[in-house]
């Protein structure tokens, strides 16, 4: 089991996005499955990818958000 014992999935949202998060155990190791409920896009994140996101400085994460509808490049 995991630290999320008994939880199949979680929904998180704010005024900008709505995301469904679930645990996937079908691979070699457990990973997160993330789905954007507004666009239908989805991805898997393994522990290494999650550690990379956690260890990335906030300044760089802000640049990741500067894309698409949220870009200031008109």
C-alpha atoms as a PDB file:
ATOM      1  CA  UNK A   1       0.000   0.000   0.000  1.00  0.00           C
ATOM      2  CA  UNK A   2       0.974   3.652   0.048  1.00  0.00           C
ATOM      3  CA  UNK A   3       0.676   6.647   2.300  1.00  0.00           C
ATOM      4  CA  UNK A   4      -2.666   7.285   0.590  1.00  0.00           C
ATOM      5  CA  UNK A   5      -4.236   4.124   2.025  1.00  0.00           C
ATOM      6  CA  UNK A   6      -7.789   3.721   0.808  1.00  0.00           C
ATOM      7  CA  UNK A   7      -7.729   6.707  -1.558  1.00  0.00           C
ATOM      8  CA  UNK A   8      -8.396   5.831  -5.206  1.00  0.00           C
ATOM      9  CA  UNK A   9      -8.076   9.367  -6.510  1.00  0.00           C
ATOM     10  CA  UNK A  10      -8.163  13.005  -5.555  1.00  0.00           C
ATOM     11  CA  UNK A  11      -9.464  16.111  -7.282  1.00  0.00           C
ATOM     12  CA  UNK A  12      -7.695  19.418  -6.841  1.00  0.00           C
ATOM     13  CA  UNK A  13      -8.826  22.682  -8.399  1.00  0.00           C
ATOM     14  CA  UNK A  14      -8.691  26.431  -8.331  1.00  0.00           C
ATOM     15  CA  UNK A  15      -9.852  29.182 -10.668  1.00  0.00           C
ATOM     16  CA  UNK A  16      -7.197  28.182 -13.256  1.00  0.00           C
ATOM     17  CA  UNK A  17      -7.300  24.371 -13.433  1.00  0.00           C
ATOM     18  CA  UNK A  18      -9.046  21.181 -12.325  1.00  0.00           C
ATOM     19  CA  UNK A  19      -6.857  18.078 -11.985  1.00  0.00           C
ATOM     20  CA  UNK A  20      -7.614  14.450 -11.113  1.00  0.00           C
ATOM     21  CA  UNK A  21      -4.740  12.599  -9.401  1.00  0.00           C
ATOM     22  CA  UNK A  22      -4.576   8.847  -8.919  1.00  0.00           C
ATOM     23  CA  UNK A  23      -1.962   6.231  -8.087  1.00  0.00           C
ATOM     24  CA  UNK A  24      -0.933   3.783 -10.802  1.00  0.00           C
ATOM     25  CA  UNK A  25       0.588   0.436  -9.805  1.00  0.00           C
ATOM     26  CA  UNK A  26       0.719  -1.142 -13.298  1.00  0.00           C
ATOM     27  CA  UNK A  27       4.357  -0.217 -13.979  1.00  0.00           C
ATOM     28  CA  UNK A  28       7.566  -1.468 -12.416  1.00  0.00           C
ATOM     29  CA  UNK A  29       7.158   1.022  -9.571  1.00  0.00           C
ATOM     30  CA  UNK A  30       4.186   3.095  -8.393  1.00  0.00           C
ATOM     31  CA  UNK A  31       3.631   6.459 -10.091  1.00  0.00           C
ATOM     32  CA  UNK A  32       1.096   9.245 -10.204  1.00  0.00           C
ATOM     33  CA  UNK A  33      -1.424   9.569 -13.003  1.00  0.00           C
ATOM     34  CA  UNK A  34      -2.490  13.177 -13.578  1.00  0.00           C
ATOM     35  CA  UNK A  35      -5.413  14.262 -15.765  1.00  0.00           C
ATOM     36  CA  UNK A  36      -6.384  17.804 -16.718  1.00  0.00           C
ATOM     37  CA  UNK A  37     -10.187  17.684 -16.528  1.00  0.00           C
ATOM     38  CA  UNK A  38     -10.533  20.826 -18.655  1.00  0.00           C
ATOM     39  CA  UNK A  39      -8.479  19.630 -21.639  1.00  0.00           C
ATOM     40  CA  UNK A  40      -8.402  15.851 -21.223  1.00  0.00           C
ATOM     41  CA  UNK A  41      -4.585  15.825 -21.358  1.00  0.00           C
ATOM     42  CA  UNK A  42      -2.895  13.341 -19.034  1.00  0.00           C
ATOM     43  CA  UNK A  43       0.537  12.144 -17.940  1.00  0.00           C
ATOM     44  CA  UNK A  44       2.331   9.849 -15.530  1.00  0.00           C
ATOM     45  CA  UNK A  45       4.975  11.061 -13.056  1.00  0.00           C
ATOM     46  CA  UNK A  46       7.397   8.628 -11.458  1.00  0.00           C
ATOM     47  CA  UNK A  47       9.297   9.266  -8.199  1.00  0.00           C
ATOM     48  CA  UNK A  48      12.363  10.661 -10.026  1.00  0.00           C
ATOM     49  CA  UNK A  49      10.243  13.179 -11.947  1.00  0.00           C
ATOM     50  CA  UNK A  50       8.446  14.192  -8.758  1.00  0.00           C
ATOM     51  CA  UNK A  51      11.763  14.656  -6.923  1.00  0.00           C
ATOM     52  CA  UNK A  52      12.985  16.840  -9.789  1.00  0.00           C
ATOM     53  CA  UNK A  53       9.898  19.055  -9.562  1.00  0.00           C
ATOM     54  CA  UNK A  54      10.257  19.338  -5.782  1.00  0.00           C
ATOM     55  CA  UNK A  55      13.949  20.273  -6.018  1.00  0.00           C
ATOM     56  CA  UNK A  56      13.475  22.827  -8.825  1.00  0.00           C
ATOM     57  CA  UNK A  57      13.756  26.454  -7.684  1.00  0.00           C
ATOM     58  CA  UNK A  58      10.512  28.452  -7.732  1.00  0.00           C
ATOM     59  CA  UNK A  59      11.942  30.895 -10.298  1.00  0.00           C
ATOM     60  CA  UNK A  60      12.281  28.098 -12.842  1.00  0.00           C
ATOM     61  CA  UNK A  61       8.836  26.681 -12.048  1.00  0.00           C
ATOM     62  CA  UNK A  62       7.366  30.128 -12.765  1.00  0.00           C
ATOM     63  CA  UNK A  63       8.870  29.978 -16.275  1.00  0.00           C
ATOM     64  CA  UNK A  64       7.154  26.601 -16.813  1.00  0.00           C
ATOM     65  CA  UNK A  65       3.796  28.297 -16.167  1.00  0.00           C
ATOM     66  CA  UNK A  66       4.444  31.022 -18.745  1.00  0.00           C
ATOM     67  CA  UNK A  67       2.982  29.006 -21.650  1.00  0.00           C
ATOM     68  CA  UNK A  68      -0.234  28.738 -23.582  1.00  0.00           C
ATOM     69  CA  UNK A  69      -3.186  30.752 -22.300  1.00  0.00           C
ATOM     70  CA  UNK A  70      -1.064  32.022 -19.410  1.00  0.00           C
ATOM     71  CA  UNK A  71       1.814  33.277 -21.566  1.00  0.00           C
ATOM     72  CA  UNK A  72       2.716  36.963 -21.625  1.00  0.00           C
ATOM     73  CA  UNK A  73       4.033  36.523 -25.198  1.00  0.00           C
ATOM     74  CA  UNK A  74       1.270  38.066 -27.319  1.00  0.00           C
END
